[in-house]
């Protein structure tokens, strides 16, 4: 049986992995330390952005990061703000990388 990590632990580990890869990132919304969901906003600093959320793949039963919204950064920010209105426990991590890197597909972060 897999152990579920707290949201705070996962976010801190994610930020460290990004730091080690030289990718700037910061917490823009601090959610519930134990059970909050996490959104990751990836901004390539060109006026666009993508927001990722964890979801279950119904076909495989595995967890995966999926794009919640992509487009103009202002639109992505508005969508994130709406999500925060419904879920005050939500964490938001913003990743700023011109190459679009976010590391969510890497082992230990993807699942």
C-alpha atoms as a PDB file:
ATOM      1  CA  UNK A   1       0.000   0.000   0.000  1.00  0.00           C
ATOM      2  CA  UNK A   2       1.390   3.385  -1.049  1.00  0.00           C
ATOM      3  CA  UNK A   3       1.849   6.089   1.554  1.00  0.00           C
ATOM      4  CA  UNK A   4       0.196   9.367   0.698  1.00  0.00           C
ATOM      5  CA  UNK A   5       2.431  12.397   1.138  1.00  0.00           C
ATOM      6  CA  UNK A   6       1.090  15.538   2.751  1.00  0.00           C
ATOM      7  CA  UNK A   7       0.557  18.443   0.376  1.00  0.00           C
ATOM      8  CA  UNK A   8       3.146  20.540   2.219  1.00  0.00           C
ATOM      9  CA  UNK A   9       5.792  17.797   1.928  1.00  0.00           C
ATOM     10  CA  UNK A  10       5.071  17.250  -1.780  1.00  0.00           C
ATOM     11  CA  UNK A  11       5.205  20.983  -2.577  1.00  0.00           C
ATOM     12  CA  UNK A  12       8.488  21.459  -0.706  1.00  0.00           C
ATOM     13  CA  UNK A  13      10.042  18.437  -2.466  1.00  0.00           C
ATOM     14  CA  UNK A  14       8.778  19.709  -5.837  1.00  0.00           C
ATOM     15  CA  UNK A  15      10.250  23.159  -5.239  1.00  0.00           C
ATOM     16  CA  UNK A  16      13.597  21.567  -4.330  1.00  0.00           C
ATOM     17  CA  UNK A  17      13.611  19.481  -7.539  1.00  0.00           C
ATOM     18  CA  UNK A  18      12.864  22.602  -9.563  1.00  0.00           C
ATOM     19  CA  UNK A  19      15.613  24.513  -7.746  1.00  0.00           C
ATOM     20  CA  UNK A  20      18.145  21.758  -8.471  1.00  0.00           C
ATOM     21  CA  UNK A  21      17.182  21.956 -12.167  1.00  0.00           C
ATOM     22  CA  UNK A  22      17.629  25.738 -12.144  1.00  0.00           C
ATOM     23  CA  UNK A  23      13.928  26.402 -12.710  1.00  0.00           C
ATOM     24  CA  UNK A  24      12.469  29.349 -10.764  1.00  0.00           C
ATOM     25  CA  UNK A  25       9.265  28.577  -8.861  1.00  0.00           C
ATOM     26  CA  UNK A  26       7.351  29.872  -5.890  1.00  0.00           C
ATOM     27  CA  UNK A  27       4.168  29.278  -3.913  1.00  0.00           C
ATOM     28  CA  UNK A  28       1.439  31.771  -4.830  1.00  0.00           C
ATOM     29  CA  UNK A  29      -1.269  30.176  -2.672  1.00  0.00           C
ATOM     30  CA  UNK A  30      -0.590  28.171   0.480  1.00  0.00           C
ATOM     31  CA  UNK A  31      -3.262  25.524   0.979  1.00  0.00           C
ATOM     32  CA  UNK A  32      -3.973  23.011   3.706  1.00  0.00           C
ATOM     33  CA  UNK A  33      -0.690  21.468   4.869  1.00  0.00           C
ATOM     34  CA  UNK A  34      -1.971  17.920   5.039  1.00  0.00           C
ATOM     35  CA  UNK A  35      -4.694  17.401   2.479  1.00  0.00           C
ATOM     36  CA  UNK A  36      -4.788  20.377   0.124  1.00  0.00           C
ATOM     37  CA  UNK A  37      -4.868  19.784  -3.624  1.00  0.00           C
ATOM     38  CA  UNK A  38      -2.087  21.287  -5.750  1.00  0.00           C
ATOM     39  CA  UNK A  39      -2.270  23.275  -8.991  1.00  0.00           C
ATOM     40  CA  UNK A  40       0.918  24.006 -10.913  1.00  0.00           C
ATOM     41  CA  UNK A  41       0.986  27.072 -13.140  1.00  0.00           C
ATOM     42  CA  UNK A  42       3.727  27.016 -15.769  1.00  0.00           C
ATOM     43  CA  UNK A  43       4.510  30.436 -17.246  1.00  0.00           C
ATOM     44  CA  UNK A  44       7.079  30.698 -20.067  1.00  0.00           C
ATOM     45  CA  UNK A  45       7.140  34.492 -19.532  1.00  0.00           C
ATOM     46  CA  UNK A  46       5.663  35.271 -22.944  1.00  0.00           C
ATOM     47  CA  UNK A  47       2.153  36.226 -21.833  1.00  0.00           C
ATOM     48  CA  UNK A  48       0.842  32.655 -21.900  1.00  0.00           C
ATOM     49  CA  UNK A  49       0.556  30.001 -19.217  1.00  0.00           C
ATOM     50  CA  UNK A  50      -0.777  26.535 -18.423  1.00  0.00           C
ATOM     51  CA  UNK A  51      -2.298  25.269 -15.195  1.00  0.00           C
ATOM     52  CA  UNK A  52      -1.920  21.588 -14.330  1.00  0.00           C
ATOM     53  CA  UNK A  53      -3.949  19.577 -11.838  1.00  0.00           C
ATOM     54  CA  UNK A  54      -3.636  15.985 -10.672  1.00  0.00           C
ATOM     55  CA  UNK A  55      -6.356  13.719 -11.876  1.00  0.00           C
ATOM     56  CA  UNK A  56      -7.108  10.011 -12.089  1.00  0.00           C
ATOM     57  CA  UNK A  57      -6.847   8.370 -15.490  1.00  0.00           C
ATOM     58  CA  UNK A  58     -10.083   6.385 -15.604  1.00  0.00           C
ATOM     59  CA  UNK A  59      -8.648   3.880 -18.075  1.00  0.00           C
ATOM     60  CA  UNK A  60      -5.533   2.958 -16.095  1.00  0.00           C
ATOM     61  CA  UNK A  61      -6.542   4.040 -12.595  1.00  0.00           C
ATOM     62  CA  UNK A  62      -3.239   5.914 -12.285  1.00  0.00           C
ATOM     63  CA  UNK A  63      -2.851   9.512 -11.207  1.00  0.00           C
ATOM     64  CA  UNK A  64      -1.562  11.936 -13.825  1.00  0.00           C
ATOM     65  CA  UNK A  65      -1.020  15.652 -14.276  1.00  0.00           C
ATOM     66  CA  UNK A  66      -3.453  17.102 -16.808  1.00  0.00           C
ATOM     67  CA  UNK A  67      -3.853  20.595 -18.212  1.00  0.00           C
ATOM     68  CA  UNK A  68      -6.744  22.390 -16.519  1.00  0.00           C
ATOM     69  CA  UNK A  69      -6.427  25.484 -18.736  1.00  0.00           C
ATOM     70  CA  UNK A  70      -3.915  26.903 -21.192  1.00  0.00           C
ATOM     71  CA  UNK A  71      -3.814  30.238 -22.976  1.00  0.00           C
ATOM     72  CA  UNK A  72      -3.317  33.881 -22.112  1.00  0.00           C
ATOM     73  CA  UNK A  73      -1.743  34.214 -18.673  1.00  0.00           C
ATOM     74  CA  UNK A  74      -4.541  36.517 -17.486  1.00  0.00           C
ATOM     75  CA  UNK A  75      -7.123  33.855 -18.396  1.00  0.00           C
ATOM     76  CA  UNK A  76      -5.147  31.152 -16.596  1.00  0.00           C
ATOM     77  CA  UNK A  77      -4.826  33.387 -13.524  1.00  0.00           C
ATOM     78  CA  UNK A  78      -8.601  34.022 -13.577  1.00  0.00           C
ATOM     79  CA  UNK A  79      -9.308  30.274 -13.766  1.00  0.00           C
ATOM     80  CA  UNK A  80      -6.967  29.634 -10.833  1.00  0.00           C
ATOM     81  CA  UNK A  81      -8.669  32.398  -8.834  1.00  0.00           C
ATOM     82  CA  UNK A  82     -12.059  30.746  -9.492  1.00  0.00           C
ATOM     83  CA  UNK A  83     -10.680  27.401  -8.289  1.00  0.00           C
ATOM     84  CA  UNK A  84      -9.395  29.080  -5.114  1.00  0.00           C
ATOM     85  CA  UNK A  85     -12.881  30.503  -4.451  1.00  0.00           C
ATOM     86  CA  UNK A  86     -14.243  26.959  -4.378  1.00  0.00           C
ATOM     87  CA  UNK A  87     -11.304  25.382  -2.551  1.00  0.00           C
ATOM     88  CA  UNK A  88      -9.516  27.485   0.048  1.00  0.00           C
ATOM     89  CA  UNK A  89      -7.242  24.502   0.813  1.00  0.00           C
ATOM     90  CA  UNK A  90      -5.771  24.644  -2.706  1.00  0.00           C
ATOM     91  CA  UNK A  91      -2.035  25.127  -3.179  1.00  0.00           C
ATOM     92  CA  UNK A  92      -0.780  26.989  -6.249  1.00  0.00           C
ATOM     93  CA  UNK A  93       2.835  26.668  -7.339  1.00  0.00           C
ATOM     94  CA  UNK A  94       4.012  28.969 -10.134  1.00  0.00           C
ATOM     95  CA  UNK A  95       6.876  27.769 -12.302  1.00  0.00           C
ATOM     96  CA  UNK A  96       8.588  30.358 -14.506  1.00  0.00           C
ATOM     97  CA  UNK A  97      10.680  28.867 -17.268  1.00  0.00           C
ATOM     98  CA  UNK A  98      11.035  30.219 -20.799  1.00  0.00           C
ATOM     99  CA  UNK A  99      11.514  26.678 -22.146  1.00  0.00           C
ATOM    100  CA  UNK A 100       8.218  25.539 -20.587  1.00  0.00           C
ATOM    101  CA  UNK A 101       9.805  23.037 -18.205  1.00  0.00           C
ATOM    102  CA  UNK A 102       7.845  21.942 -15.131  1.00  0.00           C
ATOM    103  CA  UNK A 103       9.233  18.436 -14.375  1.00  0.00           C
ATOM    104  CA  UNK A 104       5.751  17.009 -13.682  1.00  0.00           C
ATOM    105  CA  UNK A 105       6.412  14.135 -16.064  1.00  0.00           C
ATOM    106  CA  UNK A 106       9.465  12.968 -14.081  1.00  0.00           C
ATOM    107  CA  UNK A 107       9.490   9.891 -11.878  1.00  0.00           C
ATOM    108  CA  UNK A 108       8.214  10.610  -8.395  1.00  0.00           C
ATOM    109  CA  UNK A 109       6.284  13.668  -9.588  1.00  0.00           C
ATOM    110  CA  UNK A 110       4.236  12.112 -12.376  1.00  0.00           C
ATOM    111  CA  UNK A 111       2.513   9.531 -10.173  1.00  0.00           C
END
